[in-house]
N, C-alpha and C. Protein backbone atom coordinates (compact mmCIF):
# COMPACT_ATOMS: atom_id res chain seq x y z
N UNK A 1 0.84 -1.18 0.00
CA UNK A 1 0.00 0.00 0.00
C UNK A 1 0.89 1.25 0.00
N UNK A 2 0.55 2.21 -0.83
CA UNK A 2 1.35 3.44 -0.95
C UNK A 2 1.20 4.29 0.29
N UNK A 3 2.29 4.97 0.64
CA UNK A 3 2.29 5.87 1.79
C UNK A 3 1.43 7.09 1.47
N UNK A 4 0.60 7.51 2.43
CA UNK A 4 -0.26 8.68 2.24
C UNK A 4 0.62 9.93 2.16
N UNK A 5 0.42 10.69 1.11
CA UNK A 5 1.17 11.92 0.92
C UNK A 5 0.56 13.03 1.76
N UNK A 6 1.39 13.90 2.35
CA UNK A 6 0.85 14.98 3.17
C UNK A 6 0.14 16.02 2.31
N UNK A 7 -0.82 16.70 2.91
CA UNK A 7 -1.45 17.83 2.23
C UNK A 7 -0.42 18.96 2.18
N UNK A 8 -0.74 20.00 1.43
CA UNK A 8 0.16 21.15 1.34
C UNK A 8 0.39 21.74 2.73
N UNK A 9 -0.68 21.90 3.48
CA UNK A 9 -0.57 22.49 4.81
C UNK A 9 0.26 21.62 5.75
N UNK A 10 0.07 20.31 5.69
CA UNK A 10 0.85 19.39 6.53
C UNK A 10 2.33 19.45 6.16
N UNK A 11 2.60 19.47 4.87
CA UNK A 11 3.99 19.54 4.41
C UNK A 11 4.64 20.85 4.85
N UNK A 12 3.90 21.94 4.77
CA UNK A 12 4.43 23.24 5.18
C UNK A 12 4.72 23.27 6.68
N UNK A 13 3.81 22.71 7.48
CA UNK A 13 4.06 22.63 8.93
C UNK A 13 5.31 21.79 9.21
N UNK A 14 5.46 20.68 8.51
CA UNK A 14 6.64 19.84 8.69
C UNK A 14 7.92 20.59 8.33
N UNK A 15 7.87 21.34 7.24
CA UNK A 15 9.03 22.15 6.84
C UNK A 15 9.39 23.18 7.90
N UNK A 16 8.38 23.81 8.47
CA UNK A 16 8.64 24.80 9.52
C UNK A 16 9.28 24.13 10.74
N UNK A 17 8.79 22.96 11.08
CA UNK A 17 9.34 22.23 12.23
C UNK A 17 10.79 21.81 11.96
N UNK A 18 11.06 21.31 10.77
CA UNK A 18 12.41 20.89 10.40
C UNK A 18 13.35 22.09 10.46
N UNK A 19 12.91 23.22 9.92
CA UNK A 19 13.73 24.43 9.94
C UNK A 19 14.07 24.84 11.36
N UNK A 20 13.07 24.83 12.22
CA UNK A 20 13.31 25.20 13.62
C UNK A 20 14.31 24.24 14.28
N UNK A 21 14.17 22.94 14.03
CA UNK A 21 15.07 21.95 14.64
C UNK A 21 16.51 22.17 14.18
N UNK A 22 16.69 22.43 12.90
CA UNK A 22 18.04 22.64 12.38
C UNK A 22 18.62 23.96 12.90
N UNK A 23 17.80 25.01 12.92
CA UNK A 23 18.29 26.32 13.37
C UNK A 23 18.66 26.33 14.85
N UNK A 24 17.98 25.53 15.66
CA UNK A 24 18.31 25.48 17.09
C UNK A 24 19.66 24.82 17.33
N UNK A 25 20.17 24.09 16.36
CA UNK A 25 21.49 23.43 16.44
C UNK A 25 21.59 22.49 17.64
N UNK A 26 20.48 21.89 18.02
CA UNK A 26 20.48 20.95 19.14
C UNK A 26 20.58 19.51 18.67
N UNK A 27 20.64 19.31 17.37
CA UNK A 27 20.77 17.97 16.82
C UNK A 27 22.12 17.85 16.14
N UNK A 28 22.59 16.64 16.01
CA UNK A 28 23.90 16.40 15.42
C UNK A 28 23.93 16.60 13.91
N UNK A 29 25.12 16.52 13.37
CA UNK A 29 25.32 16.74 11.94
C UNK A 29 24.53 15.74 11.10
N UNK A 30 24.64 14.45 11.43
CA UNK A 30 23.96 13.43 10.63
C UNK A 30 22.45 13.62 10.65
N UNK A 31 21.90 13.93 11.83
CA UNK A 31 20.46 14.14 11.92
C UNK A 31 20.06 15.42 11.18
N UNK A 32 20.93 16.44 11.23
CA UNK A 32 20.66 17.68 10.48
C UNK A 32 20.62 17.40 8.98
N UNK A 33 21.54 16.58 8.51
CA UNK A 33 21.56 16.24 7.08
C UNK A 33 20.31 15.45 6.70
N UNK A 34 19.93 14.50 7.55
CA UNK A 34 18.72 13.71 7.29
C UNK A 34 17.48 14.61 7.27
N UNK A 35 17.41 15.55 8.20
CA UNK A 35 16.28 16.49 8.24
C UNK A 35 16.28 17.38 7.00
N UNK A 36 17.46 17.81 6.58
CA UNK A 36 17.58 18.64 5.37
C UNK A 36 17.05 17.87 4.16
N UNK A 37 17.45 16.62 4.03
CA UNK A 37 16.99 15.80 2.90
C UNK A 37 15.47 15.62 2.95
N UNK A 38 14.94 15.39 4.14
CA UNK A 38 13.49 15.26 4.31
C UNK A 38 12.81 16.57 3.91
N UNK A 39 13.38 17.67 4.32
CA UNK A 39 12.83 18.98 3.98
C UNK A 39 12.83 19.24 2.49
N UNK A 40 13.90 18.84 1.82
CA UNK A 40 13.97 19.04 0.37
C UNK A 40 12.90 18.24 -0.36
N UNK A 41 12.60 17.05 0.12
CA UNK A 41 11.52 16.24 -0.47
C UNK A 41 10.18 16.95 -0.27
N UNK A 42 9.99 17.53 0.91
CA UNK A 42 8.75 18.26 1.17
C UNK A 42 8.65 19.51 0.30
N UNK A 43 9.77 20.21 0.10
CA UNK A 43 9.78 21.39 -0.78
C UNK A 43 9.37 20.97 -2.19
N UNK A 44 9.91 19.88 -2.68
CA UNK A 44 9.58 19.38 -4.02
C UNK A 44 8.08 19.06 -4.11
N UNK A 45 7.55 18.43 -3.07
CA UNK A 45 6.14 18.09 -3.03
C UNK A 45 5.29 19.36 -3.04
N UNK A 46 5.65 20.34 -2.21
CA UNK A 46 4.89 21.59 -2.15
C UNK A 46 4.92 22.32 -3.49
N UNK A 47 6.08 22.36 -4.11
CA UNK A 47 6.19 23.03 -5.42
C UNK A 47 5.30 22.35 -6.45
N UNK A 48 5.26 21.02 -6.44
CA UNK A 48 4.41 20.30 -7.38
C UNK A 48 2.94 20.61 -7.13
N UNK A 49 2.55 20.68 -5.86
CA UNK A 49 1.16 20.99 -5.54
C UNK A 49 0.82 22.42 -5.96
N UNK A 50 1.74 23.36 -5.75
CA UNK A 50 1.51 24.74 -6.17
C UNK A 50 1.44 24.85 -7.69
N UNK A 51 2.30 24.12 -8.39
CA UNK A 51 2.25 24.12 -9.85
C UNK A 51 0.91 23.59 -10.35
N UNK A 52 0.42 22.53 -9.71
CA UNK A 52 -0.86 21.94 -10.09
C UNK A 52 -1.98 22.94 -9.86
N UNK A 53 -1.95 23.63 -8.72
CA UNK A 53 -2.97 24.64 -8.42
C UNK A 53 -2.92 25.77 -9.44
N UNK A 54 -1.71 26.19 -9.78
CA UNK A 54 -1.56 27.26 -10.76
C UNK A 54 -2.13 26.85 -12.12
N UNK A 55 -1.89 25.62 -12.51
CA UNK A 55 -2.44 25.13 -13.78
C UNK A 55 -3.96 25.11 -13.76
N UNK A 56 -4.52 24.71 -12.63
CA UNK A 56 -5.98 24.68 -12.51
C UNK A 56 -6.56 26.08 -12.63
N UNK A 57 -5.91 27.04 -11.99
CA UNK A 57 -6.38 28.43 -12.05
C UNK A 57 -6.26 28.95 -13.48
N UNK A 58 -5.17 28.62 -14.15
CA UNK A 58 -4.95 29.08 -15.52
C UNK A 58 -5.98 28.49 -16.48
N UNK A 59 -6.55 27.36 -16.12
CA UNK A 59 -7.50 26.69 -17.01
C UNK A 59 -8.93 27.20 -16.82
N UNK A 60 -9.12 28.15 -15.92
CA UNK A 60 -10.46 28.71 -15.76
C UNK A 60 -10.86 29.41 -17.06
N UNK A 61 -12.07 29.17 -17.48
CA UNK A 61 -12.52 29.81 -18.72
C UNK A 61 -13.99 30.18 -18.59
N UNK A 62 -14.39 31.20 -19.32
CA UNK A 62 -15.77 31.66 -19.30
C UNK A 62 -16.62 30.75 -20.19
N UNK A 63 -17.82 30.44 -19.69
CA UNK A 63 -18.78 29.67 -20.48
C UNK A 63 -19.67 30.63 -21.25
N UNK A 64 -20.56 30.09 -22.07
CA UNK A 64 -21.45 30.92 -22.88
C UNK A 64 -22.34 31.84 -22.02
N UNK A 65 -22.69 31.38 -20.82
CA UNK A 65 -23.58 32.20 -19.98
C UNK A 65 -22.80 33.17 -19.08
N UNK A 66 -21.47 33.25 -19.26
CA UNK A 66 -20.66 34.21 -18.52
C UNK A 66 -20.09 33.69 -17.21
N UNK A 67 -20.45 32.49 -16.82
CA UNK A 67 -19.88 31.92 -15.59
C UNK A 67 -18.53 31.30 -15.90
N UNK A 68 -17.77 31.05 -14.85
CA UNK A 68 -16.46 30.44 -15.02
C UNK A 68 -16.55 28.94 -14.77
N UNK A 69 -15.81 28.19 -15.55
CA UNK A 69 -15.71 26.76 -15.31
C UNK A 69 -14.24 26.39 -15.31
N UNK A 70 -13.90 25.41 -14.50
CA UNK A 70 -12.50 24.98 -14.40
C UNK A 70 -12.34 23.66 -15.14
N UNK A 71 -11.33 23.62 -15.97
CA UNK A 71 -10.98 22.38 -16.64
C UNK A 71 -9.97 21.66 -15.76
N UNK A 72 -10.12 20.37 -15.54
CA UNK A 72 -9.16 19.67 -14.66
C UNK A 72 -7.75 19.70 -15.24
N UNK A 73 -6.80 19.93 -14.35
CA UNK A 73 -5.39 19.91 -14.75
C UNK A 73 -4.93 18.46 -14.80
N UNK A 74 -3.89 18.17 -15.57
CA UNK A 74 -3.36 16.82 -15.57
C UNK A 74 -2.84 16.46 -14.19
N UNK A 75 -2.90 15.19 -13.85
CA UNK A 75 -2.47 14.73 -12.53
C UNK A 75 -0.95 14.83 -12.42
N UNK A 76 -0.47 15.68 -11.51
CA UNK A 76 0.96 15.87 -11.33
C UNK A 76 1.49 15.14 -10.10
N UNK A 77 0.63 14.41 -9.40
CA UNK A 77 1.06 13.73 -8.17
C UNK A 77 2.22 12.77 -8.43
N UNK A 78 2.26 12.13 -9.57
CA UNK A 78 3.32 11.19 -9.87
C UNK A 78 4.68 11.88 -9.91
N UNK A 79 4.74 13.10 -10.45
CA UNK A 79 6.02 13.80 -10.52
C UNK A 79 6.49 14.26 -9.15
N UNK A 80 5.58 14.44 -8.21
CA UNK A 80 5.96 14.88 -6.87
C UNK A 80 6.61 13.75 -6.08
N UNK A 81 6.38 12.51 -6.49
CA UNK A 81 6.92 11.36 -5.76
C UNK A 81 8.31 10.97 -6.21
N UNK A 82 8.81 11.57 -7.27
CA UNK A 82 10.12 11.19 -7.80
C UNK A 82 11.24 11.63 -6.92
């Protein structure tokens, strides 16, 4: 079973926590490096989610009656897992 991916908000909270832990310098070098790597994966995930949101917004278009409709963006979740 695939691991559940964090939401944007969860990933952002995790990044903030990782940043605080590294900045406090209370953890060793190896743990700091591991936290940095974890943080970079979260940054990549957040960027992919933001890109997907941006594409969805860009795909908004006016219908004949003047209302807006959103066309679904291609699924980018696979690229966030790389």
